[in-house]
């Protein structure tokens, strides 16, 4: 009997939680700072109520919502970057050779590469 080797796939929520958190935060901010103030002003004008400024819901409680979401999204972005770097370091390039990302460019190596190119393109004296 042949054994089947299947790659264990992540569930949708495990694979997509970072973008979902970003979109959720963007939608919350768009509602709280754009949609709700405009709708609040229109509602007050239509009902001829005394004008009162919209107070953003996410800024109540000292803006803790934004601090928490900033922390979640910041850590998520950092951890995703670490995952990508670990994946890039674990697998060699498609051609099997070294890629540009594997070799950091310093100002010395950039100058050396430019000098070599300039030397090749200049006419030689005899």
PDB file of N, CA and C in Angstrom:
ATOM      1  N   UNK A   1       0.843  -1.166   0.000  1.00  0.00           N
ATOM      2  CA  UNK A   1       0.000   0.000   0.000  1.00  0.00           C
ATOM      3  C   UNK A   1       0.893   1.235   0.000  1.00  0.00           C
ATOM      4  N   UNK A   2       0.677   2.131  -0.926  1.00  0.00           N
ATOM      5  CA  UNK A   2       1.483   3.351  -1.034  1.00  0.00           C
ATOM      6  C   UNK A   2       0.977   4.401  -0.058  1.00  0.00           C
ATOM      7  N   UNK A   3       1.932   5.032   0.573  1.00  0.00           N
ATOM      8  CA  UNK A   3       1.550   6.090   1.515  1.00  0.00           C
ATOM      9  C   UNK A   3       1.330   7.394   0.762  1.00  0.00           C
ATOM     10  N   UNK A   4       0.282   8.089   1.166  1.00  0.00           N
ATOM     11  CA  UNK A   4       0.010   9.393   0.557  1.00  0.00           C
ATOM     12  C   UNK A   4       0.610  10.470   1.447  1.00  0.00           C
ATOM     13  N   UNK A   5       1.405  11.302   0.830  1.00  0.00           N
ATOM     14  CA  UNK A   5       1.965  12.433   1.579  1.00  0.00           C
ATOM     15  C   UNK A   5       1.227  13.688   1.149  1.00  0.00           C
ATOM     16  N   UNK A   6       0.484  14.215   2.067  1.00  0.00           N
ATOM     17  CA  UNK A   6      -0.269  15.431   1.779  1.00  0.00           C
ATOM     18  C   UNK A   6       0.273  16.568   2.612  1.00  0.00           C
ATOM     19  N   UNK A   7       0.405  17.703   1.982  1.00  0.00           N
ATOM     20  CA  UNK A   7       0.845  18.889   2.696  1.00  0.00           C
ATOM     21  C   UNK A   7      -0.342  19.418   3.494  1.00  0.00           C
ATOM     22  N   UNK A   8      -0.119  19.567   4.782  1.00  0.00           N
ATOM     23  CA  UNK A   8      -1.191  20.059   5.632  1.00  0.00           C
ATOM     24  C   UNK A   8      -1.436  21.535   5.309  1.00  0.00           C
ATOM     25  N   UNK A   9      -2.630  21.843   4.852  1.00  0.00           N
ATOM     26  CA  UNK A   9      -2.963  23.207   4.481  1.00  0.00           C
ATOM     27  C   UNK A   9      -3.554  23.949   5.670  1.00  0.00           C
ATOM     28  N   UNK A  10      -3.241  25.239   5.720  1.00  0.00           N
ATOM     29  CA  UNK A  10      -3.786  26.082   6.775  1.00  0.00           C
ATOM     30  C   UNK A  10      -5.249  26.365   6.489  1.00  0.00           C
ATOM     31  N   UNK A  11      -6.004  26.579   7.546  1.00  0.00           N
ATOM     32  CA  UNK A  11      -7.389  26.976   7.342  1.00  0.00           C
ATOM     33  C   UNK A  11      -7.419  28.403   6.814  1.00  0.00           C
ATOM     34  N   UNK A  12      -8.545  28.793   6.275  1.00  0.00           N
ATOM     35  CA  UNK A  12      -8.689  30.126   5.689  1.00  0.00           C
ATOM     36  C   UNK A  12      -8.392  31.211   6.711  1.00  0.00           C
ATOM     37  N   UNK A  13      -8.909  31.062   7.910  1.00  0.00           N
ATOM     38  CA  UNK A  13      -8.736  32.106   8.922  1.00  0.00           C
ATOM     39  C   UNK A  13      -7.275  32.219   9.347  1.00  0.00           C
ATOM     40  N   UNK A  14      -6.539  31.121   9.410  1.00  0.00           N
ATOM     41  CA  UNK A  14      -5.122  31.182   9.759  1.00  0.00           C
ATOM     42  C   UNK A  14      -4.292  31.820   8.657  1.00  0.00           C
ATOM     43  N   UNK A  15      -4.681  31.594   7.427  1.00  0.00           N
ATOM     44  CA  UNK A  15      -3.914  32.128   6.303  1.00  0.00           C
ATOM     45  C   UNK A  15      -4.225  33.595   6.023  1.00  0.00           C
ATOM     46  N   UNK A  16      -5.431  34.051   6.321  1.00  0.00           N
ATOM     47  CA  UNK A  16      -5.867  35.387   5.899  1.00  0.00           C
ATOM     48  C   UNK A  16      -6.138  36.363   7.031  1.00  0.00           C
ATOM     49  N   UNK A  17      -5.767  36.060   8.266  1.00  0.00           N
ATOM     50  CA  UNK A  17      -6.150  36.940   9.366  1.00  0.00           C
ATOM     51  C   UNK A  17      -5.451  38.291   9.308  1.00  0.00           C
ATOM     52  N   UNK A  18      -4.247  38.352   8.787  1.00  0.00           N
ATOM     53  CA  UNK A  18      -3.540  39.638   8.730  1.00  0.00           C
ATOM     54  C   UNK A  18      -4.235  40.616   7.792  1.00  0.00           C
ATOM     55  N   UNK A  19      -4.544  40.233   6.561  1.00  0.00           N
ATOM     56  CA  UNK A  19      -5.247  41.184   5.692  1.00  0.00           C
ATOM     57  C   UNK A  19      -6.640  41.514   6.209  1.00  0.00           C
ATOM     58  N   UNK A  20      -7.306  40.543   6.823  1.00  0.00           N
ATOM     59  CA  UNK A  20      -8.650  40.805   7.360  1.00  0.00           C
ATOM     60  C   UNK A  20      -8.574  41.857   8.457  1.00  0.00           C
ATOM     61  N   UNK A  21      -7.564  41.771   9.320  1.00  0.00           N
ATOM     62  CA  UNK A  21      -7.411  42.776  10.382  1.00  0.00           C
ATOM     63  C   UNK A  21      -7.141  44.157   9.787  1.00  0.00           C
ATOM     64  N   UNK A  22      -6.340  44.228   8.756  1.00  0.00           N
ATOM     65  CA  UNK A  22      -6.059  45.507   8.100  1.00  0.00           C
ATOM     66  C   UNK A  22      -7.302  46.105   7.477  1.00  0.00           C
ATOM     67  N   UNK A  23      -8.057  45.292   6.758  1.00  0.00           N
ATOM     68  CA  UNK A  23      -9.291  45.779   6.135  1.00  0.00           C
ATOM     69  C   UNK A  23     -10.329  46.175   7.190  1.00  0.00           C
ATOM     70  N   UNK A  24     -10.412  45.419   8.264  1.00  0.00           N
ATOM     71  CA  UNK A  24     -11.342  45.749   9.334  1.00  0.00           C
ATOM     72  C   UNK A  24     -10.986  47.084   9.974  1.00  0.00           C
ATOM     73  N   UNK A  25      -9.716  47.295  10.220  1.00  0.00           N
ATOM     74  CA  UNK A  25      -9.282  48.564  10.814  1.00  0.00           C
ATOM     75  C   UNK A  25      -9.550  49.727   9.855  1.00  0.00           C
ATOM     76  N   UNK A  26      -9.269  49.520   8.571  1.00  0.00           N
ATOM     77  CA  UNK A  26      -9.526  50.565   7.583  1.00  0.00           C
ATOM     78  C   UNK A  26     -11.015  50.891   7.498  1.00  0.00           C
ATOM     79  N   UNK A  27     -11.862  49.874   7.508  1.00  0.00           N
ATOM     80  CA  UNK A  27     -13.308  50.099   7.441  1.00  0.00           C
ATOM     81  C   UNK A  27     -13.815  50.814   8.693  1.00  0.00           C
ATOM     82  N   UNK A  28     -13.291  50.440   9.847  1.00  0.00           N
ATOM     83  CA  UNK A  28     -13.690  51.093  11.096  1.00  0.00           C
ATOM     84  C   UNK A  28     -13.308  52.563  11.076  1.00  0.00           C
ATOM     85  N   UNK A  29     -12.096  52.863  10.651  1.00  0.00           N
ATOM     86  CA  UNK A  29     -11.654  54.262  10.591  1.00  0.00           C
ATOM     87  C   UNK A  29     -12.445  55.049   9.557  1.00  0.00           C
ATOM     88  N   UNK A  30     -12.704  54.445   8.401  1.00  0.00           N
ATOM     89  CA  UNK A  30     -13.492  55.135   7.369  1.00  0.00           C
ATOM     90  C   UNK A  30     -14.889  55.451   7.883  1.00  0.00           C
ATOM     91  N   UNK A  31     -15.502  54.513   8.580  1.00  0.00           N
ATOM     92  CA  UNK A  31     -16.834  54.775   9.133  1.00  0.00           C
ATOM     93  C   UNK A  31     -16.772  55.857  10.200  1.00  0.00           C
ATOM     94  N   UNK A  32     -15.853  55.721  11.131  1.00  0.00           N
ATOM     95  CA  UNK A  32     -15.823  56.609  12.291  1.00  0.00           C
ATOM     96  C   UNK A  32     -15.367  58.021  11.949  1.00  0.00           C
ATOM     97  N   UNK A  33     -14.534  58.201  10.940  1.00  0.00           N
ATOM     98  CA  UNK A  33     -14.001  59.525  10.628  1.00  0.00           C
ATOM     99  C   UNK A  33     -14.554  60.135   9.351  1.00  0.00           C
ATOM    100  N   UNK A  34     -15.232  59.365   8.503  1.00  0.00           N
ATOM    101  CA  UNK A  34     -15.759  59.912   7.247  1.00  0.00           C
ATOM    102  C   UNK A  34     -17.273  59.736   7.163  1.00  0.00           C
ATOM    103  N   UNK A  35     -17.737  58.486   7.172  1.00  0.00           N
ATOM    104  CA  UNK A  35     -19.159  58.198   6.934  1.00  0.00           C
ATOM    105  C   UNK A  35     -20.044  58.730   8.062  1.00  0.00           C
ATOM    106  N   UNK A  36     -19.730  58.383   9.292  1.00  0.00           N
ATOM    107  CA  UNK A  36     -20.585  58.774  10.422  1.00  0.00           C
ATOM    108  C   UNK A  36     -20.665  60.287  10.614  1.00  0.00           C
ATOM    109  N   UNK A  37     -19.559  61.057  10.532  1.00  0.00           N
ATOM    110  CA  UNK A  37     -19.705  62.503  10.683  1.00  0.00           C
ATOM    111  C   UNK A  37     -20.565  63.148   9.605  1.00  0.00           C
ATOM    112  N   UNK A  38     -20.415  62.682   8.370  1.00  0.00           N
ATOM    113  CA  UNK A  38     -21.230  63.234   7.287  1.00  0.00           C
ATOM    114  C   UNK A  38     -22.694  62.867   7.492  1.00  0.00           C
ATOM    115  N   UNK A  39     -22.966  61.601   7.808  1.00  0.00           N
ATOM    116  CA  UNK A  39     -24.349  61.168   8.041  1.00  0.00           C
ATOM    117  C   UNK A  39     -24.945  61.897   9.249  1.00  0.00           C
ATOM    118  N   UNK A  40     -24.154  62.114  10.285  1.00  0.00           N
ATOM    119  CA  UNK A  40     -24.611  62.827  11.484  1.00  0.00           C
ATOM    120  C   UNK A  40     -24.990  64.269  11.146  1.00  0.00           C
ATOM    121  N   UNK A  41     -24.170  64.939  10.326  1.00  0.00           N
ATOM    122  CA  UNK A  41     -24.462  66.318   9.923  1.00  0.00           C
ATOM    123  C   UNK A  41     -25.717  66.386   9.057  1.00  0.00           C
ATOM    124  N   UNK A  42     -25.866  65.449   8.146  1.00  0.00           N
ATOM    125  CA  UNK A  42     -27.053  65.429   7.278  1.00  0.00           C
ATOM    126  C   UNK A  42     -28.299  65.158   8.106  1.00  0.00           C
ATOM    127  N   UNK A  43     -28.231  64.214   9.022  1.00  0.00           N
ATOM    128  CA  UNK A  43     -29.368  63.892   9.882  1.00  0.00           C
ATOM    129  C   UNK A  43     -29.799  65.106  10.710  1.00  0.00           C
ATOM    130  N   UNK A  44     -28.835  65.822  11.266  1.00  0.00           N
ATOM    131  CA  UNK A  44     -29.159  67.010  12.053  1.00  0.00           C
ATOM    132  C   UNK A  44     -29.785  68.100  11.196  1.00  0.00           C
ATOM    133  N   UNK A  45     -29.303  68.237   9.960  1.00  0.00           N
ATOM    134  CA  UNK A  45     -29.851  69.256   9.061  1.00  0.00           C
ATOM    135  C   UNK A  45     -31.267  68.899   8.640  1.00  0.00           C
ATOM    136  N   UNK A  46     -31.511  67.622   8.316  1.00  0.00           N
ATOM    137  CA  UNK A  46     -32.838  67.202   7.869  1.00  0.00           C
ATOM    138  C   UNK A  46     -33.876  67.293   8.985  1.00  0.00           C
ATOM    139  N   UNK A  47     -33.497  66.936  10.192  1.00  0.00           N
ATOM    140  CA  UNK A  47     -34.437  66.961  11.316  1.00  0.00           C
ATOM    141  C   UNK A  47     -34.450  68.305  12.043  1.00  0.00           C
ATOM    142  N   UNK A  48     -33.657  69.250  11.534  1.00  0.00           N
ATOM    143  CA  UNK A  48     -33.560  70.592  12.106  1.00  0.00           C
ATOM    144  C   UNK A  48     -33.246  70.545  13.608  1.00  0.00           C
ATOM    145  N   UNK A  49     -32.302  69.696  13.951  1.00  0.00           N
ATOM    146  CA  UNK A  49     -31.840  69.577  15.329  1.00  0.00           C
ATOM    147  C   UNK A  49     -30.708  70.574  15.556  1.00  0.00           C
ATOM    148  N   UNK A  50     -30.461  70.946  16.806  1.00  0.00           N
ATOM    149  CA  UNK A  50     -29.298  71.802  17.047  1.00  0.00           C
ATOM    150  C   UNK A  50     -28.017  71.050  16.667  1.00  0.00           C
ATOM    151  N   UNK A  51     -27.098  71.770  16.046  1.00  0.00           N
ATOM    152  CA  UNK A  51     -25.880  71.140  15.529  1.00  0.00           C
ATOM    153  C   UNK A  51     -24.952  70.773  16.673  1.00  0.00           C
ATOM    154  N   UNK A  52     -24.572  69.517  16.702  1.00  0.00           N
ATOM    155  CA  UNK A  52     -23.634  69.000  17.682  1.00  0.00           C
ATOM    156  C   UNK A  52     -22.563  68.224  16.913  1.00  0.00           C
ATOM    157  N   UNK A  53     -21.325  68.437  17.282  1.00  0.00           N
ATOM    158  CA  UNK A  53     -20.216  67.782  16.587  1.00  0.00           C
ATOM    159  C   UNK A  53     -20.218  66.281  16.848  1.00  0.00           C
ATOM    160  N   UNK A  54     -19.869  65.509  15.805  1.00  0.00           N
ATOM    161  CA  UNK A  54     -19.735  64.061  15.920  1.00  0.00           C
ATOM    162  C   UNK A  54     -18.516  63.743  16.780  1.00  0.00           C
ATOM    163  N   UNK A  55     -18.684  62.857  17.730  1.00  0.00           N
ATOM    164  CA  UNK A  55     -17.578  62.410  18.556  1.00  0.00           C
ATOM    165  C   UNK A  55     -17.201  60.995  18.118  1.00  0.00           C
ATOM    166  N   UNK A  56     -16.013  60.843  17.523  1.00  0.00           N
ATOM    167  CA  UNK A  56     -15.616  59.517  17.033  1.00  0.00           C
ATOM    168  C   UNK A  56     -15.657  58.460  18.132  1.00  0.00           C
ATOM    169  N   UNK A  57     -16.281  57.354  17.808  1.00  0.00           N
ATOM    170  CA  UNK A  57     -16.439  56.276  18.788  1.00  0.00           C
ATOM    171  C   UNK A  57     -15.099  55.641  19.163  1.00  0.00           C
ATOM    172  N   UNK A  58     -14.204  55.559  18.187  1.00  0.00           N
ATOM    173  CA  UNK A  58     -12.935  54.890  18.458  1.00  0.00           C
ATOM    174  C   UNK A  58     -11.972  55.752  19.261  1.00  0.00           C
ATOM    175  N   UNK A  59     -12.261  57.044  19.402  1.00  0.00           N
ATOM    176  CA  UNK A  59     -11.399  57.902  20.201  1.00  0.00           C
ATOM    177  C   UNK A  59     -11.863  58.008  21.644  1.00  0.00           C
ATOM    178  N   UNK A  60     -13.032  57.485  21.925  1.00  0.00           N
ATOM    179  CA  UNK A  60     -13.486  57.464  23.308  1.00  0.00           C
ATOM    180  C   UNK A  60     -12.673  56.420  24.053  1.00  0.00           C
ATOM    181  N   UNK A  61     -12.415  56.669  25.297  1.00  0.00           N
ATOM    182  CA  UNK A  61     -11.560  55.745  26.043  1.00  0.00           C
ATOM    183  C   UNK A  61     -10.098  55.966  25.708  1.00  0.00           C
ATOM    184  N   UNK A  62      -9.736  57.233  25.462  1.00  0.00           N
ATOM    185  CA  UNK A  62      -8.345  57.644  25.205  1.00  0.00           C
ATOM    186  C   UNK A  62      -7.761  57.026  23.936  1.00  0.00           C
ATOM    187  N   UNK A  63      -8.580  56.624  22.986  1.00  0.00           N
ATOM    188  CA  UNK A  63      -8.073  56.080  21.726  1.00  0.00           C
ATOM    189  C   UNK A  63      -7.411  54.724  21.868  1.00  0.00           C
ATOM    190  N   UNK A  64      -7.802  53.975  22.878  1.00  0.00           N
ATOM    191  CA  UNK A  64      -7.188  52.676  23.132  1.00  0.00           C
ATOM    192  C   UNK A  64      -7.389  51.718  21.948  1.00  0.00           C
ATOM    193  N   UNK A  65      -8.505  51.872  21.234  1.00  0.00           N
ATOM    194  CA  UNK A  65      -8.762  51.022  20.066  1.00  0.00           C
ATOM    195  C   UNK A  65      -7.633  51.178  19.044  1.00  0.00           C
ATOM    196  N   UNK A  66      -7.240  52.419  18.766  1.00  0.00           N
ATOM    197  CA  UNK A  66      -6.193  52.656  17.764  1.00  0.00           C
ATOM    198  C   UNK A  66      -4.838  52.156  18.254  1.00  0.00           C
ATOM    199  N   UNK A  67      -4.568  52.311  19.534  1.00  0.00           N
ATOM    200  CA  UNK A  67      -3.319  51.778  20.080  1.00  0.00           C
ATOM    201  C   UNK A  67      -3.278  50.251  19.974  1.00  0.00           C
ATOM    202  N   UNK A  68      -4.393  49.612  20.304  1.00  0.00           N
ATOM    203  CA  UNK A  68      -4.451  48.152  20.240  1.00  0.00           C
ATOM    204  C   UNK A  68      -4.331  47.654  18.801  1.00  0.00           C
ATOM    205  N   UNK A  69      -5.048  48.293  17.887  1.00  0.00           N
ATOM    206  CA  UNK A  69      -4.976  47.864  16.488  1.00  0.00           C
ATOM    207  C   UNK A  69      -3.599  48.149  15.903  1.00  0.00           C
ATOM    208  N   UNK A  70      -2.990  49.253  16.303  1.00  0.00           N
ATOM    209  CA  UNK A  70      -1.629  49.546  15.851  1.00  0.00           C
ATOM    210  C   UNK A  70      -0.657  48.482  16.308  1.00  0.00           C
ATOM    211  N   UNK A  71      -0.830  48.035  17.553  1.00  0.00           N
ATOM    212  CA  UNK A  71       0.040  46.974  18.069  1.00  0.00           C
ATOM    213  C   UNK A  71      -0.189  45.669  17.327  1.00  0.00           C
ATOM    214  N   UNK A  72      -1.438  45.294  17.125  1.00  0.00           N
ATOM    215  CA  UNK A  72      -1.756  44.033  16.433  1.00  0.00           C
ATOM    216  C   UNK A  72      -1.227  44.060  15.001  1.00  0.00           C
ATOM    217  N   UNK A  73      -1.499  45.138  14.278  1.00  0.00           N
ATOM    218  CA  UNK A  73      -1.068  45.212  12.887  1.00  0.00           C
ATOM    219  C   UNK A  73       0.450  45.349  12.782  1.00  0.00           C
ATOM    220  N   UNK A  74       1.062  46.063  13.716  1.00  0.00           N
ATOM    221  CA  UNK A  74       2.515  46.200  13.703  1.00  0.00           C
ATOM    222  C   UNK A  74       3.214  44.881  13.946  1.00  0.00           C
ATOM    223  N   UNK A  75       2.767  44.153  14.941  1.00  0.00           N
ATOM    224  CA  UNK A  75       3.367  42.841  15.237  1.00  0.00           C
ATOM    225  C   UNK A  75       3.090  41.867  14.091  1.00  0.00           C
ATOM    226  N   UNK A  76       1.896  41.944  13.511  1.00  0.00           N
ATOM    227  CA  UNK A  76       1.566  41.058  12.386  1.00  0.00           C
ATOM    228  C   UNK A  76       2.471  41.341  11.192  1.00  0.00           C
ATOM    229  N   UNK A  77       2.700  42.607  10.894  1.00  0.00           N
ATOM    230  CA  UNK A  77       3.571  42.959   9.768  1.00  0.00           C
ATOM    231  C   UNK A  77       5.009  42.516  10.053  1.00  0.00           C
ATOM    232  N   UNK A  78       5.470  42.739  11.270  1.00  0.00           N
ATOM    233  CA  UNK A  78       6.828  42.338  11.626  1.00  0.00           C
ATOM    234  C   UNK A  78       6.987  40.819  11.536  1.00  0.00           C
ATOM    235  N   UNK A  79       6.021  40.068  12.082  1.00  0.00           N
ATOM    236  CA  UNK A  79       6.135  38.607  12.069  1.00  0.00           C
ATOM    237  C   UNK A  79       6.042  38.063  10.651  1.00  0.00           C
ATOM    238  N   UNK A  80       5.220  38.688   9.817  1.00  0.00           N
ATOM    239  CA  UNK A  80       5.124  38.250   8.422  1.00  0.00           C
ATOM    240  C   UNK A  80       6.437  38.497   7.699  1.00  0.00           C
ATOM    241  N   UNK A  81       7.062  39.624   7.986  1.00  0.00           N
ATOM    242  CA  UNK A  81       8.367  39.909   7.398  1.00  0.00           C
ATOM    243  C   UNK A  81       9.404  38.884   7.825  1.00  0.00           C
ATOM    244  N   UNK A  82       9.365  38.497   9.098  1.00  0.00           N
ATOM    245  CA  UNK A  82      10.288  37.483   9.590  1.00  0.00           C
ATOM    246  C   UNK A  82      10.038  36.148   8.901  1.00  0.00           C
ATOM    247  N   UNK A  83       8.758  35.799   8.708  1.00  0.00           N
ATOM    248  CA  UNK A  83       8.421  34.551   8.020  1.00  0.00           C
ATOM    249  C   UNK A  83       8.933  34.569   6.591  1.00  0.00           C
ATOM    250  N   UNK A  84       8.764  35.704   5.899  1.00  0.00           N
ATOM    251  CA  UNK A  84       9.220  35.793   4.513  1.00  0.00           C
ATOM    252  C   UNK A  84      10.734  35.709   4.427  1.00  0.00           C
ATOM    253  N   UNK A  85      11.424  36.384   5.364  1.00  0.00           N
ATOM    254  CA  UNK A  85      12.884  36.322   5.337  1.00  0.00           C
ATOM    255  C   UNK A  85      13.363  34.915   5.649  1.00  0.00           C
ATOM    256  N   UNK A  86      12.715  34.234   6.571  1.00  0.00           N
ATOM    257  CA  UNK A  86      13.103  32.859   6.886  1.00  0.00           C
ATOM    258  C   UNK A  86      12.852  31.957   5.688  1.00  0.00           C
ATOM    259  N   UNK A  87      11.759  32.164   4.986  1.00  0.00           N
ATOM    260  CA  UNK A  87      11.465  31.379   3.792  1.00  0.00           C
ATOM    261  C   UNK A  87      12.433  31.671   2.668  1.00  0.00           C
ATOM    262  N   UNK A  88      12.834  32.935   2.515  1.00  0.00           N
ATOM    263  CA  UNK A  88      13.777  33.303   1.462  1.00  0.00           C
ATOM    264  C   UNK A  88      15.161  32.748   1.762  1.00  0.00           C
ATOM    265  N   UNK A  89      15.532  32.723   3.029  1.00  0.00           N
ATOM    266  CA  UNK A  89      16.847  32.190   3.399  1.00  0.00           C
ATOM    267  C   UNK A  89      16.877  30.667   3.321  1.00  0.00           C
ATOM    268  N   UNK A  90      15.723  30.021   3.510  1.00  0.00           N
ATOM    269  CA  UNK A  90      15.676  28.560   3.510  1.00  0.00           C
ATOM    270  C   UNK A  90      15.721  27.987   2.102  1.00  0.00           C
ATOM    271  N   UNK A  91      15.164  28.707   1.132  1.00  0.00           N
ATOM    272  CA  UNK A  91      15.131  28.175  -0.232  1.00  0.00           C
ATOM    273  C   UNK A  91      16.010  29.017  -1.141  1.00  0.00           C
ATOM    274  N   UNK A  92      16.890  28.390  -1.902  1.00  0.00           N
ATOM    275  CA  UNK A  92      17.737  29.136  -2.831  1.00  0.00           C
ATOM    276  C   UNK A  92      16.903  29.662  -3.985  1.00  0.00           C
ATOM    277  N   UNK A  93      17.496  30.541  -4.772  1.00  0.00           N
ATOM    278  CA  UNK A  93      16.809  31.119  -5.918  1.00  0.00           C
ATOM    279  C   UNK A  93      16.399  30.060  -6.923  1.00  0.00           C
ATOM    280  N   UNK A  94      15.616  30.450  -7.900  1.00  0.00           N
ATOM    281  CA  UNK A  94      15.121  29.508  -8.900  1.00  0.00           C
ATOM    282  C   UNK A  94      16.255  28.885  -9.702  1.00  0.00           C
ATOM    283  N   UNK A  95      17.297  29.668  -9.946  1.00  0.00           N
ATOM    284  CA  UNK A  95      18.387  29.132 -10.755  1.00  0.00           C
ATOM    285  C   UNK A  95      19.381  28.341  -9.926  1.00  0.00           C
ATOM    286  N   UNK A  96      19.219  28.367  -8.603  1.00  0.00           N
ATOM    287  CA  UNK A  96      20.139  27.644  -7.752  1.00  0.00           C
ATOM    288  C   UNK A  96      21.336  28.477  -7.350  1.00  0.00           C
ATOM    289  N   UNK A  97      21.523  29.628  -7.996  1.00  0.00           N
ATOM    290  CA  UNK A  97      22.643  30.503  -7.658  1.00  0.00           C
ATOM    291  C   UNK A  97      22.252  31.488  -6.578  1.00  0.00           C
ATOM    292  N   UNK A  98      23.167  32.382  -6.292  1.00  0.00           N
ATOM    293  CA  UNK A  98      22.857  33.380  -5.268  1.00  0.00           C
ATOM    294  C   UNK A  98      22.029  34.494  -5.887  1.00  0.00           C
ATOM    295  N   UNK A  99      21.098  34.986  -5.123  1.00  0.00           N
ATOM    296  CA  UNK A  99      20.254  36.060  -5.608  1.00  0.00           C
ATOM    297  C   UNK A  99      20.787  37.391  -5.103  1.00  0.00           C
ATOM    298  N   UNK A 100      20.283  38.495  -5.617  1.00  0.00           N
ATOM    299  CA  UNK A 100      20.693  39.820  -5.180  1.00  0.00           C
ATOM    300  C   UNK A 100      20.313  40.043  -3.726  1.00  0.00           C
ATOM    301  N   UNK A 101      19.227  39.426  -3.273  1.00  0.00           N
ATOM    302  CA  UNK A 101      18.773  39.623  -1.912  1.00  0.00           C
ATOM    303  C   UNK A 101      19.685  38.928  -0.909  1.00  0.00           C
ATOM    304  N   UNK A 102      20.375  37.895  -1.337  1.00  0.00           N
ATOM    305  CA  UNK A 102      21.223  37.164  -0.401  1.00  0.00           C
ATOM    306  C   UNK A 102      22.530  37.890  -0.140  1.00  0.00           C
ATOM    307  N   UNK A 103      22.895  38.813  -1.005  1.00  0.00           N
ATOM    308  CA  UNK A 103      24.145  39.540  -0.840  1.00  0.00           C
ATOM    309  C   UNK A 103      23.828  40.999  -0.564  1.00  0.00           C
ATOM    310  N   UNK A 104      24.056  41.478   0.649  1.00  0.00           N
ATOM    311  CA  UNK A 104      23.766  42.875   0.940  1.00  0.00           C
ATOM    312  C   UNK A 104      24.715  43.788   0.174  1.00  0.00           C
ATOM    313  N   UNK A 105      24.172  44.895  -0.326  1.00  0.00           N
ATOM    314  CA  UNK A 105      24.964  45.854  -1.073  1.00  0.00           C
ATOM    315  C   UNK A 105      25.525  46.884  -0.119  1.00  0.00           C
ATOM    316  N   UNK A 106      26.805  47.012  -0.059  1.00  0.00           N
ATOM    317  CA  UNK A 106      27.413  48.066   0.734  1.00  0.00           C
ATOM    318  C   UNK A 106      27.883  49.156  -0.220  1.00  0.00           C
ATOM    319  N   UNK A 107      28.233  50.290   0.325  1.00  0.00           N
ATOM    320  CA  UNK A 107      28.706  51.370  -0.537  1.00  0.00           C
ATOM    321  C   UNK A 107      30.027  50.979  -1.196  1.00  0.00           C
ATOM    322  N   UNK A 108      30.845  50.166  -0.515  1.00  0.00           N
ATOM    323  CA  UNK A 108      32.108  49.719  -1.107  1.00  0.00           C
ATOM    324  C   UNK A 108      31.867  48.807  -2.303  1.00  0.00           C
ATOM    325  N   UNK A 109      30.956  47.836  -2.135  1.00  0.00           N
ATOM    326  CA  UNK A 109      30.718  46.911  -3.237  1.00  0.00           C
ATOM    327  C   UNK A 109      30.049  47.629  -4.403  1.00  0.00           C
ATOM    328  N   UNK A 110      29.190  48.622  -4.106  1.00  0.00           N
ATOM    329  CA  UNK A 110      28.557  49.397  -5.169  1.00  0.00           C
ATOM    330  C   UNK A 110      29.609  50.192  -5.926  1.00  0.00           C
ATOM    331  N   UNK A 111      30.522  50.826  -5.195  1.00  0.00           N
ATOM    332  CA  UNK A 111      31.588  51.599  -5.838  1.00  0.00           C
ATOM    333  C   UNK A 111      32.493  50.680  -6.646  1.00  0.00           C
ATOM    334  N   UNK A 112      32.814  49.501  -6.116  1.00  0.00           N
ATOM    335  CA  UNK A 112      33.685  48.561  -6.812  1.00  0.00           C
ATOM    336  C   UNK A 112      33.020  48.097  -8.107  1.00  0.00           C
ATOM    337  N   UNK A 113      31.715  47.774  -8.044  1.00  0.00           N
ATOM    338  CA  UNK A 113      31.004  47.343  -9.243  1.00  0.00           C
ATOM    339  C   UNK A 113      30.963  48.461 -10.276  1.00  0.00           C
ATOM    340  N   UNK A 114      30.754  49.688  -9.838  1.00  0.00           N
ATOM    341  CA  UNK A 114      30.683  50.812 -10.767  1.00  0.00           C
ATOM    342  C   UNK A 114      32.047  51.073 -11.380  1.00  0.00           C
ATOM    343  N   UNK A 115      33.112  50.984 -10.570  1.00  0.00           N
ATOM    344  CA  UNK A 115      34.458  51.202 -11.091  1.00  0.00           C
ATOM    345  C   UNK A 115      34.802  50.160 -12.138  1.00  0.00           C
ATOM    346  N   UNK A 116      34.428  48.905 -11.912  1.00  0.00           N
ATOM    347  CA  UNK A 116      34.702  47.849 -12.879  1.00  0.00           C
ATOM    348  C   UNK A 116      33.958  48.106 -14.176  1.00  0.00           C
ATOM    349  N   UNK A 117      32.697  48.565 -14.079  1.00  0.00           N
ATOM    350  CA  UNK A 117      31.931  48.862 -15.288  1.00  0.00           C
ATOM    351  C   UNK A 117      32.550  50.031 -16.038  1.00  0.00           C
ATOM    352  N   UNK A 118      32.962  51.081 -15.285  1.00  0.00           N
ATOM    353  CA  UNK A 118      33.583  52.233 -15.926  1.00  0.00           C
ATOM    354  C   UNK A 118      34.894  51.839 -16.594  1.00  0.00           C
ATOM    355  N   UNK A 119      35.674  50.995 -15.946  1.00  0.00           N
ATOM    356  CA  UNK A 119      36.955  50.559 -16.517  1.00  0.00           C
ATOM    357  C   UNK A 119      36.737  49.768 -17.783  1.00  0.00           C
ATOM    358  N   UNK A 120      35.691  48.992 -17.838  1.00  0.00           N
ATOM    359  CA  UNK A 120      35.415  48.201 -19.051  1.00  0.00           C
ATOM    360  C   UNK A 120      34.962  49.080 -20.205  1.00  0.00           C
ATOM    361  N   UNK A 121      34.281  50.166 -19.908  1.00  0.00           N
ATOM    362  CA  UNK A 121      33.730  50.985 -20.986  1.00  0.00           C
ATOM    363  C   UNK A 121      34.699  52.032 -21.468  1.00  0.00           C
ATOM    364  N   UNK A 122      35.783  52.296 -20.729  1.00  0.00           N
ATOM    365  CA  UNK A 122      36.759  53.321 -21.135  1.00  0.00           C
ATOM    366  C   UNK A 122      37.748  52.741 -22.136  1.00  0.00           C
ATOM    367  N   UNK A 123      38.149  53.567 -23.081  1.00  0.00           N
ATOM    368  CA  UNK A 123      39.179  53.077 -24.022  1.00  0.00           C
ATOM    369  C   UNK A 123      40.514  52.941 -23.298  1.00  0.00           C
ATOM    370  N   UNK A 124      41.290  51.956 -23.701  1.00  0.00           N
ATOM    371  CA  UNK A 124      42.561  51.702 -23.037  1.00  0.00           C
ATOM    372  C   UNK A 124      43.697  52.452 -23.767  1.00  0.00           C
ATOM    373  N   UNK A 125      44.635  52.944 -22.956  1.00  0.00           N
ATOM    374  CA  UNK A 125      45.810  53.620 -23.515  1.00  0.00           C
ATOM    375  C   UNK A 125      46.928  52.619 -23.739  1.00  0.00           C
ATOM    376  N   UNK A 126      47.749  52.895 -24.712  1.00  0.00           N
ATOM    377  CA  UNK A 126      48.874  52.010 -24.982  1.00  0.00           C
ATOM    378  C   UNK A 126      50.169  52.667 -24.698  1.00  0.00           C
TER     379      UNK A 126
END
